[in-house]
Amino acid sequence: MTIYSNFLLIFFFFWNAHKNFNSIDSHVFVLLFKIKKLCFFYTFEYRKSLNSIR
């Protein structure tokens, strides 16, 4: 649960940071790219922790 709450916190942080820009369109792609990277990283870490528990 903490992994996903951290992800939500990071997501809202990036979203609020990007909302302040005038040209949101160009920044949305950067935001989506960061989210994709974070999703991959967190799912990878999550699977690693699951395997270590077993």
PDB file of N, CA and C in Angstrom:
ATOM      1  N   MET A   1       0.837  -1.206   0.000  1.00  0.00           N
ATOM      2  CA  MET A   1       0.000   0.000   0.000  1.00  0.00           C
ATOM      3  C   MET A   1       0.875   1.261   0.000  1.00  0.00           C
ATOM      4  N   THR A   2       1.970   1.224   0.729  1.00  0.00           N
ATOM      5  CA  THR A   2       2.796   2.439   0.800  1.00  0.00           C
ATOM      6  C   THR A   2       3.378   2.792  -0.561  1.00  0.00           C
ATOM      7  N   ILE A   3       3.671   1.758  -1.368  1.00  0.00           N
ATOM      8  CA  ILE A   3       4.224   2.018  -2.703  1.00  0.00           C
ATOM      9  C   ILE A   3       3.235   2.836  -3.523  1.00  0.00           C
ATOM     10  N   TYR A   4       1.949   2.446  -3.462  1.00  0.00           N
ATOM     11  CA  TYR A   4       0.967   3.129  -4.294  1.00  0.00           C
ATOM     12  C   TYR A   4       0.604   4.491  -3.730  1.00  0.00           C
ATOM     13  N   SER A   5       0.640   4.662  -2.415  1.00  0.00           N
ATOM     14  CA  SER A   5       0.392   5.987  -1.856  1.00  0.00           C
ATOM     15  C   SER A   5       1.517   6.938  -2.228  1.00  0.00           C
ATOM     16  N   ASN A   6       2.754   6.427  -2.208  1.00  0.00           N
ATOM     17  CA  ASN A   6       3.888   7.241  -2.641  1.00  0.00           C
ATOM     18  C   ASN A   6       3.739   7.629  -4.102  1.00  0.00           C
ATOM     19  N   PHE A   7       3.293   6.676  -4.916  1.00  0.00           N
ATOM     20  CA  PHE A   7       3.098   6.965  -6.335  1.00  0.00           C
ATOM     21  C   PHE A   7       2.056   8.060  -6.518  1.00  0.00           C
ATOM     22  N   LEU A   8       0.959   7.995  -5.744  1.00  0.00           N
ATOM     23  CA  LEU A   8      -0.082   9.016  -5.844  1.00  0.00           C
ATOM     24  C   LEU A   8       0.461  10.370  -5.423  1.00  0.00           C
ATOM     25  N   LEU A   9       1.255  10.406  -4.377  1.00  0.00           N
ATOM     26  CA  LEU A   9       1.845  11.667  -3.928  1.00  0.00           C
ATOM     27  C   LEU A   9       2.723  12.263  -5.019  1.00  0.00           C
ATOM     28  N   ILE A  10       3.569  11.417  -5.625  1.00  0.00           N
ATOM     29  CA  ILE A  10       4.452  11.897  -6.690  1.00  0.00           C
ATOM     30  C   ILE A  10       3.632  12.373  -7.881  1.00  0.00           C
ATOM     31  N   PHE A  11       2.563  11.605  -8.195  1.00  0.00           N
ATOM     32  CA  PHE A  11       1.723  11.982  -9.326  1.00  0.00           C
ATOM     33  C   PHE A  11       1.101  13.352  -9.108  1.00  0.00           C
ATOM     34  N   PHE A  12       0.549  13.573  -7.911  1.00  0.00           N
ATOM     35  CA  PHE A  12      -0.092  14.869  -7.655  1.00  0.00           C
ATOM     36  C   PHE A  12       0.937  15.985  -7.606  1.00  0.00           C
ATOM     37  N   PHE A  13       2.137  15.688  -7.121  1.00  0.00           N
ATOM     38  CA  PHE A  13       3.187  16.694  -7.102  1.00  0.00           C
ATOM     39  C   PHE A  13       3.527  17.146  -8.519  1.00  0.00           C
ATOM     40  N   PHE A  14       3.744  16.143  -9.415  1.00  0.00           N
ATOM     41  CA  PHE A  14       4.067  16.487 -10.803  1.00  0.00           C
ATOM     42  C   PHE A  14       2.905  17.203 -11.469  1.00  0.00           C
ATOM     43  N   TRP A  15       1.666  16.746 -11.185  1.00  0.00           N
ATOM     44  CA  TRP A  15       0.495  17.340 -11.813  1.00  0.00           C
ATOM     45  C   TRP A  15       0.351  18.804 -11.409  1.00  0.00           C
ATOM     46  N   ASN A  16       0.522  19.090 -10.111  1.00  0.00           N
ATOM     47  CA  ASN A  16       0.425  20.466  -9.642  1.00  0.00           C
ATOM     48  C   ASN A  16       1.545  21.320 -10.215  1.00  0.00           C
ATOM     49  N   ALA A  17       2.725  20.740 -10.343  1.00  0.00           N
ATOM     50  CA  ALA A  17       3.853  21.493 -10.892  1.00  0.00           C
ATOM     51  C   ALA A  17       3.608  21.832 -12.354  1.00  0.00           C
ATOM     52  N   HIS A  18       2.987  20.904 -13.092  1.00  0.00           N
ATOM     53  CA  HIS A  18       2.785  21.140 -14.516  1.00  0.00           C
ATOM     54  C   HIS A  18       1.549  21.979 -14.791  1.00  0.00           C
ATOM     55  N   LYS A  19       0.622  22.037 -13.851  1.00  0.00           N
ATOM     56  CA  LYS A  19      -0.569  22.865 -14.048  1.00  0.00           C
ATOM     57  C   LYS A  19      -0.214  24.343 -14.087  1.00  0.00           C
ATOM     58  N   ASN A  20       0.932  24.691 -13.470  1.00  0.00           N
ATOM     59  CA  ASN A  20       1.306  26.098 -13.375  1.00  0.00           C
ATOM     60  C   ASN A  20       1.827  26.660 -14.693  1.00  0.00           C
ATOM     61  N   PHE A  21       2.204  25.790 -15.624  1.00  0.00           N
ATOM     62  CA  PHE A  21       2.738  26.271 -16.896  1.00  0.00           C
ATOM     63  C   PHE A  21       1.610  26.761 -17.800  1.00  0.00           C
ATOM     64  N   ASN A  22       1.953  27.721 -18.668  1.00  0.00           N
ATOM     65  CA  ASN A  22       0.965  28.242 -19.607  1.00  0.00           C
ATOM     66  C   ASN A  22       0.684  27.237 -20.704  1.00  0.00           C
ATOM     67  N   SER A  23       1.747  26.658 -21.277  1.00  0.00           N
ATOM     68  CA  SER A  23       1.576  25.691 -22.362  1.00  0.00           C
ATOM     69  C   SER A  23       1.566  24.287 -21.764  1.00  0.00           C
ATOM     70  N   ILE A  24       0.386  23.833 -21.401  1.00  0.00           N
ATOM     71  CA  ILE A  24       0.271  22.544 -20.729  1.00  0.00           C
ATOM     72  C   ILE A  24       0.534  21.400 -21.704  1.00  0.00           C
ATOM     73  N   ASP A  25       0.158  21.568 -22.977  1.00  0.00           N
ATOM     74  CA  ASP A  25       0.234  20.475 -23.946  1.00  0.00           C
ATOM     75  C   ASP A  25       1.630  19.865 -24.016  1.00  0.00           C
ATOM     76  N   SER A  26       2.654  20.720 -24.109  1.00  0.00           N
ATOM     77  CA  SER A  26       4.016  20.198 -24.251  1.00  0.00           C
ATOM     78  C   SER A  26       4.460  19.500 -22.973  1.00  0.00           C
ATOM     79  N   HIS A  27       3.924  19.950 -21.833  1.00  0.00           N
ATOM     80  CA  HIS A  27       4.354  19.376 -20.568  1.00  0.00           C
ATOM     81  C   HIS A  27       3.608  18.095 -20.233  1.00  0.00           C
ATOM     82  N   VAL A  28       2.434  17.903 -20.837  1.00  0.00           N
ATOM     83  CA  VAL A  28       1.671  16.684 -20.570  1.00  0.00           C
ATOM     84  C   VAL A  28       2.461  15.459 -21.028  1.00  0.00           C
ATOM     85  N   PHE A  29       3.152  15.586 -22.157  1.00  0.00           N
ATOM     86  CA  PHE A  29       3.941  14.458 -22.660  1.00  0.00           C
ATOM     87  C   PHE A  29       5.081  14.137 -21.700  1.00  0.00           C
ATOM     88  N   VAL A  30       5.711  15.180 -21.164  1.00  0.00           N
ATOM     89  CA  VAL A  30       6.782  14.958 -20.184  1.00  0.00           C
ATOM     90  C   VAL A  30       6.207  14.280 -18.943  1.00  0.00           C
ATOM     91  N   LEU A  31       5.037  14.750 -18.516  1.00  0.00           N
ATOM     92  CA  LEU A  31       4.382  14.175 -17.344  1.00  0.00           C
ATOM     93  C   LEU A  31       4.057  12.705 -17.568  1.00  0.00           C
ATOM     94  N   LEU A  32       3.472  12.399 -18.725  1.00  0.00           N
ATOM     95  CA  LEU A  32       3.129  11.009 -19.024  1.00  0.00           C
ATOM     96  C   LEU A  32       4.376  10.137 -19.083  1.00  0.00           C
ATOM     97  N   PHE A  33       5.455  10.690 -19.649  1.00  0.00           N
ATOM     98  CA  PHE A  33       6.701   9.932 -19.731  1.00  0.00           C
ATOM     99  C   PHE A  33       7.232   9.624 -18.333  1.00  0.00           C
ATOM    100  N   LYS A  34       7.181  10.638 -17.438  1.00  0.00           N
ATOM    101  CA  LYS A  34       7.644  10.423 -16.067  1.00  0.00           C
ATOM    102  C   LYS A  34       6.776   9.397 -15.365  1.00  0.00           C
ATOM    103  N   ILE A  35       5.464   9.483 -15.592  1.00  0.00           N
ATOM    104  CA  ILE A  35       4.550   8.535 -14.948  1.00  0.00           C
ATOM    105  C   ILE A  35       4.826   7.119 -15.441  1.00  0.00           C
ATOM    106  N   LYS A  36       5.077   6.969 -16.743  1.00  0.00           N
ATOM    107  CA  LYS A  36       5.385   5.643 -17.285  1.00  0.00           C
ATOM    108  C   LYS A  36       6.644   5.092 -16.631  1.00  0.00           C
ATOM    109  N   LYS A  37       7.671   5.941 -16.511  1.00  0.00           N
ATOM    110  CA  LYS A  37       8.918   5.496 -15.900  1.00  0.00           C
ATOM    111  C   LYS A  37       8.689   5.116 -14.437  1.00  0.00           C
ATOM    112  N   LEU A  38       7.901   5.923 -13.722  1.00  0.00           N
ATOM    113  CA  LEU A  38       7.618   5.638 -12.318  1.00  0.00           C
ATOM    114  C   LEU A  38       6.816   4.356 -12.176  1.00  0.00           C
ATOM    115  N   CYS A  39       5.820   4.172 -13.054  1.00  0.00           N
ATOM    116  CA  CYS A  39       5.007   2.948 -13.012  1.00  0.00           C
ATOM    117  C   CYS A  39       5.901   1.732 -13.193  1.00  0.00           C
ATOM    118  N   PHE A  40       6.775   1.781 -14.176  1.00  0.00           N
ATOM    119  CA  PHE A  40       7.654   0.653 -14.435  1.00  0.00           C
ATOM    120  C   PHE A  40       8.551   0.393 -13.235  1.00  0.00           C
ATOM    121  N   PHE A  41       9.113   1.468 -12.689  1.00  0.00           N
ATOM    122  CA  PHE A  41      10.017   1.324 -11.552  1.00  0.00           C
ATOM    123  C   PHE A  41       9.297   0.725 -10.351  1.00  0.00           C
ATOM    124  N   TYR A  42       8.098   1.239 -10.056  1.00  0.00           N
ATOM    125  CA  TYR A  42       7.380   0.778  -8.873  1.00  0.00           C
ATOM    126  C   TYR A  42       6.897  -0.657  -9.037  1.00  0.00           C
ATOM    127  N   THR A  43       6.406  -1.024 -10.206  1.00  0.00           N
ATOM    128  CA  THR A  43       5.962  -2.403 -10.394  1.00  0.00           C
ATOM    129  C   THR A  43       7.167  -3.349 -10.311  1.00  0.00           C
ATOM    130  N   PHE A  44       8.314  -2.905 -10.833  1.00  0.00           N
ATOM    131  CA  PHE A  44       9.521  -3.723 -10.752  1.00  0.00           C
ATOM    132  C   PHE A  44       9.926  -3.922  -9.299  1.00  0.00           C
ATOM    133  N   GLU A  45       9.951  -2.835  -8.509  1.00  0.00           N
ATOM    134  CA  GLU A  45      10.317  -2.927  -7.097  1.00  0.00           C
ATOM    135  C   GLU A  45       9.298  -3.759  -6.332  1.00  0.00           C
ATOM    136  N   TYR A  46       8.032  -3.592  -6.696  1.00  0.00           N
ATOM    137  CA  TYR A  46       6.964  -4.323  -6.013  1.00  0.00           C
ATOM    138  C   TYR A  46       7.116  -5.820  -6.234  1.00  0.00           C
ATOM    139  N   ARG A  47       7.397  -6.218  -7.470  1.00  0.00           N
ATOM    140  CA  ARG A  47       7.602  -7.632  -7.773  1.00  0.00           C
ATOM    141  C   ARG A  47       8.834  -8.167  -7.052  1.00  0.00           C
ATOM    142  N   LYS A  48       9.883  -7.333  -6.984  1.00  0.00           N
ATOM    143  CA  LYS A  48      11.097  -7.759  -6.299  1.00  0.00           C
ATOM    144  C   LYS A  48      10.820  -8.006  -4.816  1.00  0.00           C
ATOM    145  N   SER A  49      10.060  -7.109  -4.199  1.00  0.00           N
ATOM    146  CA  SER A  49       9.746  -7.278  -2.784  1.00  0.00           C
ATOM    147  C   SER A  49       8.854  -8.497  -2.569  1.00  0.00           C
ATOM    148  N   LEU A  50       7.920  -8.737  -3.504  1.00  0.00           N
ATOM    149  CA  LEU A  50       7.067  -9.922  -3.387  1.00  0.00           C
ATOM    150  C   LEU A  50       7.906 -11.191  -3.462  1.00  0.00           C
ATOM    151  N   ASN A  51       8.853 -11.210  -4.374  1.00  0.00           N
ATOM    152  CA  ASN A  51       9.703 -12.391  -4.516  1.00  0.00           C
ATOM    153  C   ASN A  51      10.580 -12.598  -3.283  1.00  0.00           C
ATOM    154  N   SER A  52      11.036 -11.514  -2.699  1.00  0.00           N
ATOM    155  CA  SER A  52      11.888 -11.646  -1.516  1.00  0.00           C
ATOM    156  C   SER A  52      11.077 -12.136  -0.319  1.00  0.00           C
ATOM    157  N   ILE A  53       9.791 -11.770  -0.264  1.00  0.00           N
ATOM    158  CA  ILE A  53       8.938 -12.247   0.827  1.00  0.00           C
ATOM    159  C   ILE A  53       8.765 -13.762   0.726  1.00  0.00           C
ATOM    160  N   ARG A  54       8.538 -14.237  -0.501  1.00  0.00           N
ATOM    161  CA  ARG A  54       8.446 -15.680  -0.698  1.00  0.00           C
ATOM    162  C   ARG A  54       9.810 -16.310  -0.460  1.00  0.00           C
TER     163      ARG A  54
END
